[in-house]
């Protein structure tokens, strides 16, 4: 019998967005069994690399909380997550490197290393009948949606983007699982909720097995 996973200890107590001339910062305070933690995530910035890090951190946070998006920062209040997940968000938002060392996240389709950390995404094709969704990996899911939208007759919607240290392995598992529904490339005739459920389960299982 496998030991039960320890329940999340961190509860987000406060979340606000502070705006300035160059962008916006999400400021969160959390309670970790009596210890008060504070984190700042630069969710919008005129600097490309800072903006990319902030968006990546935000997507990772939402993935760990089981959320696809938030309408306001208050939606995060009372949500719980593990300490290691909180620290991972902080490390993505503010890496321990000098500005000159920071490199933008790149999409590397030629790499076959299963340990490549990237976002696993699900994109739906709104208005299609039957439903179609794309399951893939990218460093910037938002940018990938924009690229695909230029040649799509349908409106494309980013349904989920969750960071995984084994993104390529998760993608391969999803493609294999839905192989019977493959229509073209990474597009599958499945509803987005079904694809999201499988991807989330696969990421969780691979993390426990690591």
N, C-alpha and C. Protein backbone atom coordinates (compact mmCIF):
# COMPACT_ATOMS: atom_id res chain seq x y z
N UNK A 1 0.84 -1.19 0.00
CA UNK A 1 0.00 0.00 0.00
C UNK A 1 0.88 1.25 0.00
N UNK A 2 0.58 2.17 -0.91
CA UNK A 2 1.37 3.39 -0.98
C UNK A 2 0.96 4.34 0.14
N UNK A 3 1.93 5.09 0.71
CA UNK A 3 1.59 6.03 1.76
C UNK A 3 0.74 7.17 1.20
N UNK A 4 -0.17 7.65 2.04
CA UNK A 4 -1.03 8.74 1.60
C UNK A 4 -0.21 10.01 1.47
N UNK A 5 -0.51 10.77 0.40
CA UNK A 5 0.20 12.04 0.19
C UNK A 5 -0.26 13.05 1.24
N UNK A 6 0.69 13.78 1.78
CA UNK A 6 0.36 14.78 2.79
C UNK A 6 -0.49 15.87 2.17
N UNK A 7 -1.59 16.26 2.83
CA UNK A 7 -2.48 17.28 2.27
C UNK A 7 -1.76 18.62 2.17
N UNK A 8 -2.22 19.48 1.24
CA UNK A 8 -1.59 20.80 1.08
C UNK A 8 -1.62 21.58 2.38
N UNK A 9 -0.52 22.25 2.69
CA UNK A 9 -0.44 22.98 3.96
C UNK A 9 -0.59 24.48 3.77
N UNK A 10 -0.35 24.97 2.57
CA UNK A 10 -0.35 26.42 2.34
C UNK A 10 -1.73 26.88 1.90
N UNK A 11 -2.26 27.87 2.60
CA UNK A 11 -3.55 28.47 2.23
C UNK A 11 -3.31 29.94 1.88
N UNK A 12 -3.74 30.32 0.70
CA UNK A 12 -3.59 31.71 0.26
C UNK A 12 -4.60 32.56 1.03
N UNK A 13 -4.11 33.53 1.76
CA UNK A 13 -4.96 34.35 2.61
C UNK A 13 -5.32 35.68 1.95
N UNK A 14 -4.44 36.16 1.09
CA UNK A 14 -4.68 37.47 0.46
C UNK A 14 -4.02 37.50 -0.90
N UNK A 15 -4.68 38.13 -1.86
CA UNK A 15 -4.14 38.26 -3.21
C UNK A 15 -4.61 39.58 -3.81
N UNK A 16 -3.66 40.38 -4.23
CA UNK A 16 -3.98 41.68 -4.81
C UNK A 16 -3.08 41.93 -6.02
N UNK A 17 -3.54 42.79 -6.92
CA UNK A 17 -2.74 43.20 -8.07
C UNK A 17 -2.38 44.66 -7.91
N UNK A 18 -1.07 44.92 -7.98
CA UNK A 18 -0.56 46.29 -7.90
C UNK A 18 -0.07 46.72 -9.28
N UNK A 19 -0.60 47.81 -9.77
CA UNK A 19 -0.24 48.28 -11.10
C UNK A 19 0.70 49.48 -11.02
N UNK A 20 1.61 49.55 -11.98
CA UNK A 20 2.50 50.70 -12.08
C UNK A 20 2.64 51.08 -13.56
N UNK A 21 3.59 51.92 -13.87
CA UNK A 21 3.72 52.42 -15.24
C UNK A 21 4.18 51.37 -16.24
N UNK A 22 4.83 50.32 -15.77
CA UNK A 22 5.37 49.32 -16.70
C UNK A 22 4.66 47.98 -16.66
N UNK A 23 3.65 47.84 -15.77
CA UNK A 23 2.96 46.56 -15.74
C UNK A 23 2.19 46.33 -14.45
N UNK A 24 1.98 45.05 -14.13
CA UNK A 24 1.19 44.68 -12.95
C UNK A 24 1.88 43.56 -12.19
N UNK A 25 1.73 43.59 -10.86
CA UNK A 25 2.33 42.58 -9.99
C UNK A 25 1.25 41.94 -9.13
N UNK A 26 1.21 40.61 -9.15
CA UNK A 26 0.30 39.87 -8.27
C UNK A 26 1.03 39.62 -6.95
N UNK A 27 0.48 40.14 -5.88
CA UNK A 27 1.06 39.99 -4.55
C UNK A 27 0.18 39.05 -3.73
N UNK A 28 0.77 37.98 -3.22
CA UNK A 28 0.02 37.00 -2.44
C UNK A 28 0.65 36.80 -1.07
N UNK A 29 -0.21 36.64 -0.08
CA UNK A 29 0.23 36.26 1.26
C UNK A 29 -0.45 34.94 1.60
N UNK A 30 0.29 34.03 2.21
CA UNK A 30 -0.24 32.70 2.51
C UNK A 30 0.18 32.27 3.90
N UNK A 31 -0.60 31.35 4.43
CA UNK A 31 -0.35 30.80 5.76
C UNK A 31 0.11 29.35 5.61
N UNK A 32 1.32 29.05 6.06
CA UNK A 32 1.86 27.70 6.02
C UNK A 32 1.97 27.18 7.44
N UNK A 33 0.85 26.70 7.98
CA UNK A 33 0.80 26.17 9.35
C UNK A 33 1.36 27.17 10.35
N UNK A 34 0.91 28.42 10.22
CA UNK A 34 1.32 29.46 11.15
C UNK A 34 2.43 30.35 10.65
N UNK A 35 3.15 29.91 9.63
CA UNK A 35 4.21 30.73 9.05
C UNK A 35 3.62 31.53 7.89
N UNK A 36 3.79 32.85 7.92
CA UNK A 36 3.23 33.72 6.89
C UNK A 36 4.25 33.87 5.75
N UNK A 37 3.81 33.57 4.55
CA UNK A 37 4.65 33.67 3.36
C UNK A 37 4.13 34.77 2.45
N UNK A 38 5.05 35.37 1.72
CA UNK A 38 4.67 36.43 0.78
C UNK A 38 5.37 36.20 -0.54
N UNK A 39 4.66 36.45 -1.64
CA UNK A 39 5.25 36.25 -2.96
C UNK A 39 4.75 37.33 -3.92
N UNK A 40 5.63 37.75 -4.81
CA UNK A 40 5.27 38.69 -5.86
C UNK A 40 5.51 38.04 -7.21
N UNK A 41 4.51 38.10 -8.08
CA UNK A 41 4.62 37.55 -9.43
C UNK A 41 4.32 38.68 -10.41
N UNK A 42 5.29 38.99 -11.23
CA UNK A 42 5.13 40.07 -12.21
C UNK A 42 4.33 39.53 -13.39
N UNK A 43 2.99 39.65 -13.32
CA UNK A 43 2.13 39.02 -14.32
C UNK A 43 2.03 39.81 -15.62
N UNK A 44 2.44 41.07 -15.60
CA UNK A 44 2.44 41.88 -16.82
C UNK A 44 3.58 42.88 -16.74
N UNK A 45 4.42 42.89 -17.78
CA UNK A 45 5.56 43.80 -17.77
C UNK A 45 5.95 44.12 -19.20
N UNK A 46 6.42 45.35 -19.41
CA UNK A 46 6.84 45.75 -20.74
C UNK A 46 8.09 45.00 -21.19
N UNK A 47 8.88 44.53 -20.23
CA UNK A 47 10.06 43.73 -20.56
C UNK A 47 9.62 42.31 -20.90
N UNK A 48 10.02 41.82 -22.06
CA UNK A 48 9.56 40.54 -22.56
C UNK A 48 9.89 39.38 -21.61
N UNK A 49 11.13 39.33 -21.14
CA UNK A 49 11.55 38.19 -20.32
C UNK A 49 10.86 38.20 -18.96
N UNK A 50 10.73 39.37 -18.33
CA UNK A 50 10.02 39.44 -17.05
C UNK A 50 8.56 39.06 -17.22
N UNK A 51 7.95 39.51 -18.31
CA UNK A 51 6.56 39.18 -18.58
C UNK A 51 6.40 37.68 -18.80
N UNK A 52 7.34 37.07 -19.54
CA UNK A 52 7.27 35.64 -19.82
C UNK A 52 7.41 34.82 -18.54
N UNK A 53 8.35 35.21 -17.66
CA UNK A 53 8.52 34.51 -16.40
C UNK A 53 7.26 34.61 -15.54
N UNK A 54 6.69 35.81 -15.50
CA UNK A 54 5.50 36.01 -14.68
C UNK A 54 4.31 35.20 -15.17
N UNK A 55 4.10 35.19 -16.49
CA UNK A 55 2.99 34.41 -17.05
C UNK A 55 3.21 32.92 -16.83
N UNK A 56 4.45 32.47 -16.96
CA UNK A 56 4.76 31.06 -16.72
C UNK A 56 4.48 30.68 -15.27
N UNK A 57 4.88 31.55 -14.34
CA UNK A 57 4.64 31.29 -12.92
C UNK A 57 3.14 31.25 -12.62
N UNK A 58 2.40 32.17 -13.23
CA UNK A 58 0.95 32.22 -13.00
C UNK A 58 0.27 30.96 -13.52
N UNK A 59 0.66 30.49 -14.70
CA UNK A 59 0.06 29.29 -15.27
C UNK A 59 0.39 28.07 -14.41
N UNK A 60 1.61 28.01 -13.90
CA UNK A 60 1.98 26.89 -13.02
C UNK A 60 1.12 26.91 -11.76
N UNK A 61 0.95 28.10 -11.17
CA UNK A 61 0.14 28.24 -9.96
C UNK A 61 -1.28 27.77 -10.22
N UNK A 62 -1.88 28.23 -11.31
CA UNK A 62 -3.26 27.85 -11.61
C UNK A 62 -3.38 26.36 -11.84
N UNK A 63 -2.37 25.77 -12.50
CA UNK A 63 -2.39 24.34 -12.73
C UNK A 63 -2.38 23.56 -11.43
N UNK A 64 -1.56 23.99 -10.47
CA UNK A 64 -1.49 23.30 -9.18
C UNK A 64 -2.78 23.48 -8.39
N UNK A 65 -3.49 24.58 -8.63
CA UNK A 65 -4.74 24.82 -7.92
C UNK A 65 -5.93 24.21 -8.65
N UNK A 66 -5.70 23.65 -9.84
CA UNK A 66 -6.78 23.06 -10.62
C UNK A 66 -7.68 24.10 -11.26
N UNK A 67 -7.11 25.26 -11.56
CA UNK A 67 -7.88 26.35 -12.17
C UNK A 67 -7.33 26.65 -13.56
N UNK A 68 -8.22 27.02 -14.48
CA UNK A 68 -7.78 27.35 -15.83
C UNK A 68 -7.52 28.85 -15.99
N UNK A 69 -8.27 29.67 -15.24
CA UNK A 69 -8.07 31.11 -15.31
C UNK A 69 -8.72 31.75 -14.07
N UNK A 70 -8.42 33.01 -13.86
CA UNK A 70 -9.05 33.76 -12.77
C UNK A 70 -9.57 35.08 -13.34
N UNK A 71 -10.71 35.50 -12.84
CA UNK A 71 -11.28 36.78 -13.27
C UNK A 71 -10.79 37.93 -12.41
N UNK A 72 -10.40 37.61 -11.19
CA UNK A 72 -9.91 38.63 -10.26
C UNK A 72 -9.00 37.94 -9.25
N UNK A 73 -8.05 38.67 -8.66
CA UNK A 73 -7.10 38.04 -7.74
C UNK A 73 -7.77 37.40 -6.53
N UNK A 74 -8.95 37.91 -6.15
CA UNK A 74 -9.65 37.35 -4.99
C UNK A 74 -10.05 35.89 -5.21
N UNK A 75 -10.09 35.45 -6.47
CA UNK A 75 -10.43 34.05 -6.75
C UNK A 75 -9.40 33.08 -6.16
N UNK A 76 -8.20 33.58 -5.86
CA UNK A 76 -7.15 32.73 -5.31
C UNK A 76 -7.25 32.56 -3.80
N UNK A 77 -7.97 33.45 -3.15
CA UNK A 77 -8.06 33.43 -1.69
C UNK A 77 -8.74 32.14 -1.22
N UNK A 78 -8.18 31.55 -0.18
CA UNK A 78 -8.65 30.31 0.45
C UNK A 78 -8.26 29.06 -0.33
N UNK A 79 -7.60 29.20 -1.47
CA UNK A 79 -7.12 28.04 -2.20
C UNK A 79 -5.87 27.50 -1.51
N UNK A 80 -5.65 26.17 -1.61
CA UNK A 80 -4.55 25.53 -0.92
C UNK A 80 -3.63 24.81 -1.90
N UNK A 81 -2.35 24.76 -1.58
CA UNK A 81 -1.38 24.03 -2.38
C UNK A 81 -0.22 23.59 -1.50
N UNK A 82 0.62 22.73 -2.03
CA UNK A 82 1.75 22.21 -1.27
C UNK A 82 2.88 23.24 -1.21
N UNK A 83 3.73 23.09 -0.20
CA UNK A 83 4.84 24.02 -0.01
C UNK A 83 5.80 23.97 -1.21
N UNK A 84 6.06 22.76 -1.73
CA UNK A 84 6.98 22.66 -2.86
C UNK A 84 6.41 23.34 -4.09
N UNK A 85 5.07 23.34 -4.25
CA UNK A 85 4.45 24.01 -5.39
C UNK A 85 4.57 25.52 -5.25
N UNK A 86 4.38 26.02 -4.04
CA UNK A 86 4.55 27.46 -3.77
C UNK A 86 5.98 27.90 -4.10
N UNK A 87 6.94 27.08 -3.65
CA UNK A 87 8.34 27.42 -3.91
C UNK A 87 8.67 27.33 -5.40
N UNK A 88 8.03 26.41 -6.11
CA UNK A 88 8.26 26.29 -7.54
C UNK A 88 7.75 27.53 -8.27
N UNK A 89 6.58 28.02 -7.88
CA UNK A 89 6.04 29.24 -8.48
C UNK A 89 7.01 30.40 -8.26
N UNK A 90 7.52 30.49 -7.03
CA UNK A 90 8.46 31.57 -6.71
C UNK A 90 9.73 31.46 -7.53
N UNK A 91 10.23 30.23 -7.75
CA UNK A 91 11.47 30.05 -8.51
C UNK A 91 11.27 30.38 -9.98
N UNK A 92 10.06 30.14 -10.51
CA UNK A 92 9.78 30.49 -11.91
C UNK A 92 9.66 32.00 -12.05
N UNK A 93 8.97 32.62 -11.10
CA UNK A 93 8.74 34.07 -11.16
C UNK A 93 10.03 34.87 -10.96
N UNK A 94 10.90 34.39 -10.05
CA UNK A 94 12.14 35.10 -9.75
C UNK A 94 13.28 34.09 -9.67
N UNK A 95 13.83 33.70 -10.81
CA UNK A 95 14.94 32.74 -10.80
C UNK A 95 16.16 33.32 -10.13
N UNK A 96 16.94 32.45 -9.50
CA UNK A 96 18.15 32.90 -8.80
C UNK A 96 19.31 33.03 -9.77
N UNK A 97 19.17 34.00 -10.67
CA UNK A 97 20.22 34.31 -11.64
C UNK A 97 20.27 35.80 -11.84
N UNK A 98 21.34 36.27 -12.40
CA UNK A 98 21.44 37.67 -12.73
C UNK A 98 20.66 37.93 -14.00
N UNK A 99 20.19 39.18 -14.23
CA UNK A 99 19.41 39.46 -15.43
C UNK A 99 20.10 39.03 -16.72
N UNK A 100 21.42 39.13 -16.78
CA UNK A 100 22.13 38.77 -18.00
C UNK A 100 22.09 37.28 -18.27
N UNK A 101 21.87 36.49 -17.18
CA UNK A 101 21.85 35.04 -17.32
C UNK A 101 20.47 34.50 -17.71
N UNK A 102 19.43 35.33 -17.54
CA UNK A 102 18.08 34.86 -17.79
C UNK A 102 17.83 34.72 -19.27
N UNK A 103 17.38 33.55 -19.68
CA UNK A 103 17.08 33.28 -21.08
C UNK A 103 15.59 33.03 -21.24
N UNK A 104 14.99 33.48 -22.34
CA UNK A 104 13.58 33.22 -22.56
C UNK A 104 13.32 31.73 -22.73
N UNK A 105 12.14 31.28 -22.33
CA UNK A 105 11.77 29.89 -22.50
C UNK A 105 11.63 29.60 -23.98
N UNK A 106 12.25 28.54 -24.46
CA UNK A 106 12.23 28.20 -25.87
C UNK A 106 11.46 26.91 -26.11
N UNK A 107 10.83 26.81 -27.26
CA UNK A 107 10.21 25.57 -27.69
C UNK A 107 11.26 24.79 -28.45
N UNK A 108 11.54 23.56 -28.03
CA UNK A 108 12.60 22.76 -28.63
C UNK A 108 12.05 21.44 -29.15
N UNK A 109 11.36 21.45 -30.30
CA UNK A 109 10.74 20.23 -30.80
C UNK A 109 11.74 19.13 -31.14
N UNK A 110 13.02 19.46 -31.35
CA UNK A 110 14.00 18.44 -31.71
C UNK A 110 14.50 17.67 -30.50
N UNK A 111 14.28 18.20 -29.32
CA UNK A 111 14.76 17.53 -28.11
C UNK A 111 13.84 16.38 -27.75
N UNK A 112 14.42 15.20 -27.50
CA UNK A 112 13.61 14.05 -27.12
C UNK A 112 13.85 13.67 -25.67
N UNK A 113 14.38 14.60 -24.88
CA UNK A 113 14.61 14.33 -23.47
C UNK A 113 13.29 14.44 -22.72
N UNK A 114 12.86 13.36 -22.03
CA UNK A 114 11.58 13.42 -21.32
C UNK A 114 11.60 14.36 -20.13
N UNK A 115 12.81 14.82 -19.72
CA UNK A 115 12.89 15.68 -18.55
C UNK A 115 12.76 17.16 -18.91
N UNK A 116 12.57 17.48 -20.19
CA UNK A 116 12.43 18.87 -20.59
C UNK A 116 11.20 19.48 -19.93
N UNK A 117 11.39 20.50 -19.11
CA UNK A 117 10.28 21.15 -18.44
C UNK A 117 9.61 22.16 -19.35
N UNK A 118 8.33 21.97 -19.60
CA UNK A 118 7.54 22.87 -20.42
C UNK A 118 6.09 22.80 -19.99
N UNK A 119 5.24 23.58 -20.65
CA UNK A 119 3.82 23.53 -20.37
C UNK A 119 3.15 22.53 -21.30
N UNK A 120 2.31 21.69 -20.71
CA UNK A 120 1.43 20.83 -21.50
C UNK A 120 0.12 21.61 -21.65
N UNK A 121 -0.33 21.77 -22.88
CA UNK A 121 -1.52 22.59 -23.09
C UNK A 121 -2.62 21.82 -23.79
N UNK A 122 -3.84 22.32 -23.61
CA UNK A 122 -5.00 21.82 -24.34
C UNK A 122 -5.68 23.03 -24.97
N UNK A 123 -5.83 23.02 -26.28
CA UNK A 123 -6.47 24.10 -27.02
C UNK A 123 -7.72 23.55 -27.68
N UNK A 124 -8.85 24.22 -27.49
CA UNK A 124 -10.10 23.78 -28.11
C UNK A 124 -10.41 24.60 -29.35
N UNK A 125 -11.16 24.00 -30.23
CA UNK A 125 -11.58 24.65 -31.47
C UNK A 125 -13.07 24.96 -31.31
N UNK A 126 -13.39 26.19 -30.93
CA UNK A 126 -14.77 26.55 -30.63
C UNK A 126 -15.64 26.52 -31.88
N UNK A 127 -16.81 25.97 -31.74
CA UNK A 127 -17.75 25.93 -32.86
C UNK A 127 -17.62 24.71 -33.74
N UNK A 128 -16.64 23.86 -33.47
CA UNK A 128 -16.45 22.67 -34.30
C UNK A 128 -17.41 21.57 -33.85
N UNK A 129 -17.92 20.82 -34.79
CA UNK A 129 -18.83 19.72 -34.51
C UNK A 129 -18.45 18.55 -35.42
N UNK A 130 -17.88 17.48 -34.84
CA UNK A 130 -17.71 17.18 -33.41
C UNK A 130 -16.62 18.04 -32.79
N UNK A 131 -16.52 18.03 -31.45
CA UNK A 131 -15.50 18.85 -30.77
C UNK A 131 -14.09 18.40 -31.12
N UNK A 132 -13.19 19.36 -31.26
CA UNK A 132 -11.79 19.09 -31.54
C UNK A 132 -10.92 19.82 -30.54
N UNK A 133 -9.84 19.19 -30.13
CA UNK A 133 -8.87 19.88 -29.27
C UNK A 133 -7.47 19.43 -29.62
N UNK A 134 -6.53 20.29 -29.33
CA UNK A 134 -5.11 20.03 -29.62
C UNK A 134 -4.39 19.83 -28.29
N UNK A 135 -3.60 18.78 -28.20
CA UNK A 135 -2.82 18.49 -27.00
C UNK A 135 -1.35 18.57 -27.38
N UNK A 136 -0.63 19.49 -26.78
CA UNK A 136 0.78 19.66 -27.15
C UNK A 136 1.58 20.25 -26.01
N UNK A 137 2.82 20.63 -26.29
CA UNK A 137 3.69 21.25 -25.29
C UNK A 137 4.30 22.50 -25.89
N UNK A 138 4.60 23.47 -25.03
CA UNK A 138 5.20 24.72 -25.50
C UNK A 138 5.80 25.47 -24.32
N UNK A 139 6.74 26.34 -24.62
CA UNK A 139 7.27 27.21 -23.59
C UNK A 139 6.32 28.34 -23.28
N UNK A 140 5.57 28.78 -24.32
CA UNK A 140 4.60 29.85 -24.14
C UNK A 140 3.30 29.44 -24.82
N UNK A 141 2.37 28.84 -24.08
CA UNK A 141 1.11 28.41 -24.67
C UNK A 141 0.32 29.55 -25.33
N UNK A 142 0.35 30.75 -24.71
CA UNK A 142 -0.37 31.87 -25.29
C UNK A 142 0.16 32.20 -26.68
N UNK A 143 1.47 32.17 -26.84
CA UNK A 143 2.06 32.45 -28.14
C UNK A 143 1.68 31.37 -29.14
N UNK A 144 1.61 30.12 -28.69
CA UNK A 144 1.23 29.03 -29.58
C UNK A 144 -0.20 29.21 -30.08
N UNK A 145 -1.11 29.65 -29.22
CA UNK A 145 -2.49 29.90 -29.64
C UNK A 145 -2.53 30.97 -30.72
N UNK A 146 -1.76 32.04 -30.52
CA UNK A 146 -1.74 33.12 -31.50
C UNK A 146 -1.22 32.62 -32.85
N UNK A 147 -0.18 31.77 -32.80
CA UNK A 147 0.37 31.23 -34.04
C UNK A 147 -0.66 30.39 -34.78
N UNK A 148 -1.37 29.53 -34.04
CA UNK A 148 -2.36 28.65 -34.66
C UNK A 148 -3.58 29.41 -35.16
N UNK A 149 -3.92 30.49 -34.47
CA UNK A 149 -5.13 31.25 -34.81
C UNK A 149 -5.04 31.92 -36.18
N UNK A 150 -3.82 32.23 -36.62
CA UNK A 150 -3.67 32.93 -37.89
C UNK A 150 -4.12 32.10 -39.08
N UNK A 151 -4.15 30.78 -38.94
CA UNK A 151 -4.53 29.91 -40.06
C UNK A 151 -5.76 29.07 -39.76
N UNK A 152 -6.48 29.39 -38.68
CA UNK A 152 -7.65 28.60 -38.30
C UNK A 152 -8.93 29.35 -38.63
N UNK A 153 -9.91 28.67 -39.25
CA UNK A 153 -11.20 29.31 -39.52
C UNK A 153 -12.07 29.41 -38.28
N UNK A 154 -11.69 28.71 -37.21
CA UNK A 154 -12.45 28.73 -35.95
C UNK A 154 -11.68 29.50 -34.88
N UNK A 155 -12.43 29.96 -33.91
CA UNK A 155 -11.79 30.63 -32.77
C UNK A 155 -11.15 29.57 -31.88
N UNK A 156 -9.87 29.74 -31.56
CA UNK A 156 -9.16 28.79 -30.71
C UNK A 156 -9.07 29.33 -29.29
N UNK A 157 -9.25 28.45 -28.34
CA UNK A 157 -9.26 28.85 -26.93
C UNK A 157 -8.28 27.98 -26.15
N UNK A 158 -7.43 28.63 -25.37
CA UNK A 158 -6.50 27.91 -24.50
C UNK A 158 -7.27 27.46 -23.27
N UNK A 159 -7.50 26.14 -23.18
CA UNK A 159 -8.30 25.60 -22.09
C UNK A 159 -7.48 25.31 -20.84
N UNK A 160 -6.23 24.91 -21.01
CA UNK A 160 -5.37 24.65 -19.87
C UNK A 160 -3.91 24.74 -20.29
N UNK A 161 -3.05 25.06 -19.36
CA UNK A 161 -1.60 25.05 -19.56
C UNK A 161 -0.99 24.74 -18.21
N UNK A 162 -0.37 23.58 -18.10
CA UNK A 162 0.20 23.16 -16.82
C UNK A 162 1.65 22.74 -17.00
N UNK A 163 2.51 23.30 -16.18
CA UNK A 163 3.93 23.01 -16.27
C UNK A 163 4.23 21.61 -15.78
N UNK A 164 5.15 20.95 -16.49
CA UNK A 164 5.60 19.62 -16.07
C UNK A 164 7.07 19.46 -16.41
N UNK A 165 7.82 18.85 -15.48
CA UNK A 165 9.23 18.56 -15.74
C UNK A 165 9.38 17.45 -16.78
N UNK A 166 8.29 16.73 -17.03
CA UNK A 166 8.31 15.65 -18.02
C UNK A 166 7.22 15.90 -19.07
N UNK A 167 7.20 17.12 -19.56
CA UNK A 167 6.15 17.54 -20.48
C UNK A 167 6.07 16.66 -21.73
N UNK A 168 7.21 16.32 -22.30
CA UNK A 168 7.20 15.52 -23.53
C UNK A 168 6.62 14.12 -23.27
N UNK A 169 6.94 13.55 -22.11
CA UNK A 169 6.41 12.23 -21.78
C UNK A 169 4.90 12.30 -21.56
N UNK A 170 4.42 13.37 -20.93
CA UNK A 170 2.98 13.55 -20.73
C UNK A 170 2.28 13.69 -22.08
N UNK A 171 2.86 14.49 -22.96
CA UNK A 171 2.29 14.68 -24.29
C UNK A 171 2.21 13.35 -25.04
N UNK A 172 3.28 12.56 -24.99
CA UNK A 172 3.30 11.27 -25.68
C UNK A 172 2.23 10.33 -25.13
N UNK A 173 2.05 10.34 -23.80
CA UNK A 173 1.04 9.49 -23.18
C UNK A 173 -0.37 9.90 -23.62
N UNK A 174 -0.60 11.21 -23.70
CA UNK A 174 -1.92 11.70 -24.12
C UNK A 174 -2.19 11.35 -25.57
N UNK A 175 -1.19 11.51 -26.42
CA UNK A 175 -1.36 11.17 -27.84
C UNK A 175 -1.63 9.69 -28.02
N UNK A 176 -0.99 8.86 -27.22
CA UNK A 176 -1.22 7.42 -27.30
C UNK A 176 -2.62 7.06 -26.80
N UNK A 177 -3.00 7.68 -25.69
CA UNK A 177 -4.30 7.38 -25.08
C UNK A 177 -5.45 7.75 -26.02
N UNK A 178 -5.31 8.87 -26.73
CA UNK A 178 -6.37 9.34 -27.61
C UNK A 178 -6.09 9.04 -29.08
N UNK A 179 -5.23 8.07 -29.34
CA UNK A 179 -4.84 7.76 -30.72
C UNK A 179 -6.04 7.37 -31.59
N UNK A 180 -7.03 6.74 -30.96
CA UNK A 180 -8.22 6.34 -31.72
C UNK A 180 -9.02 7.53 -32.21
N UNK A 181 -8.81 8.70 -31.56
CA UNK A 181 -9.57 9.90 -31.90
C UNK A 181 -8.73 10.93 -32.66
N UNK A 182 -7.52 10.53 -33.08
CA UNK A 182 -6.66 11.47 -33.78
C UNK A 182 -7.26 11.80 -35.15
N UNK A 183 -7.27 13.10 -35.46
CA UNK A 183 -7.81 13.54 -36.75
C UNK A 183 -6.73 14.13 -37.65
N UNK A 184 -5.83 14.89 -37.08
CA UNK A 184 -4.75 15.47 -37.88
C UNK A 184 -3.67 16.00 -36.95
N UNK A 185 -2.46 15.44 -37.08
CA UNK A 185 -1.36 15.91 -36.24
C UNK A 185 -1.67 15.74 -34.76
N UNK A 186 -1.72 16.86 -34.02
CA UNK A 186 -1.99 16.83 -32.59
C UNK A 186 -3.44 17.17 -32.28
N UNK A 187 -4.30 17.15 -33.28
CA UNK A 187 -5.73 17.44 -33.09
C UNK A 187 -6.50 16.14 -32.90
N UNK A 188 -7.37 16.14 -31.88
CA UNK A 188 -8.12 14.94 -31.53
C UNK A 188 -9.61 15.25 -31.40
N UNK A 189 -10.43 14.28 -31.76
CA UNK A 189 -11.87 14.44 -31.66
C UNK A 189 -12.32 14.03 -30.26
N UNK A 190 -11.95 14.84 -29.29
CA UNK A 190 -12.36 14.65 -27.91
C UNK A 190 -12.69 16.01 -27.32
N UNK A 191 -13.53 16.02 -26.30
CA UNK A 191 -13.86 17.29 -25.67
C UNK A 191 -12.70 17.74 -24.78
N UNK A 192 -12.60 19.03 -24.57
CA UNK A 192 -11.48 19.60 -23.82
C UNK A 192 -11.44 19.08 -22.39
N UNK A 193 -12.61 18.90 -21.76
CA UNK A 193 -12.63 18.45 -20.36
C UNK A 193 -12.03 17.06 -20.22
N UNK A 194 -12.26 16.21 -21.21
CA UNK A 194 -11.70 14.86 -21.16
C UNK A 194 -10.19 14.90 -21.31
N UNK A 195 -9.71 15.75 -22.24
CA UNK A 195 -8.27 15.88 -22.43
C UNK A 195 -7.59 16.46 -21.20
N UNK A 196 -8.21 17.48 -20.60
CA UNK A 196 -7.66 18.12 -19.41
C UNK A 196 -7.57 17.12 -18.26
N UNK A 197 -8.61 16.34 -18.08
CA UNK A 197 -8.63 15.34 -17.00
C UNK A 197 -7.49 14.34 -17.16
N UNK A 198 -7.26 13.87 -18.39
CA UNK A 198 -6.20 12.89 -18.60
C UNK A 198 -4.83 13.52 -18.35
N UNK A 199 -4.61 14.72 -18.89
CA UNK A 199 -3.31 15.39 -18.73
C UNK A 199 -3.01 15.63 -17.25
N UNK A 200 -4.00 16.12 -16.49
CA UNK A 200 -3.78 16.37 -15.06
C UNK A 200 -3.43 15.09 -14.32
N UNK A 201 -4.13 14.01 -14.62
CA UNK A 201 -3.85 12.73 -13.96
C UNK A 201 -2.45 12.23 -14.32
N UNK A 202 -2.07 12.38 -15.58
CA UNK A 202 -0.77 11.90 -16.02
C UNK A 202 0.37 12.69 -15.36
N UNK A 203 0.22 13.99 -15.26
CA UNK A 203 1.24 14.82 -14.61
C UNK A 203 1.38 14.42 -13.14
N UNK A 204 0.25 14.22 -12.47
CA UNK A 204 0.27 13.84 -11.06
C UNK A 204 0.94 12.49 -10.86
N UNK A 205 0.61 11.51 -11.71
CA UNK A 205 1.19 10.18 -11.59
C UNK A 205 2.69 10.19 -11.83
N UNK A 206 3.14 10.96 -12.84
CA UNK A 206 4.57 11.02 -13.13
C UNK A 206 5.33 11.72 -12.02
N UNK A 207 4.69 12.70 -11.40
CA UNK A 207 5.35 13.40 -10.29
C UNK A 207 5.52 12.47 -9.10
N UNK A 208 4.50 11.66 -8.81
CA UNK A 208 4.58 10.72 -7.68
C UNK A 208 5.61 9.63 -7.94
N UNK A 209 5.76 9.26 -9.22
CA UNK A 209 6.70 8.19 -9.56
C UNK A 209 8.14 8.67 -9.60
N UNK A 210 8.33 9.99 -9.67
CA UNK A 210 9.69 10.54 -9.78
C UNK A 210 10.48 10.33 -8.48
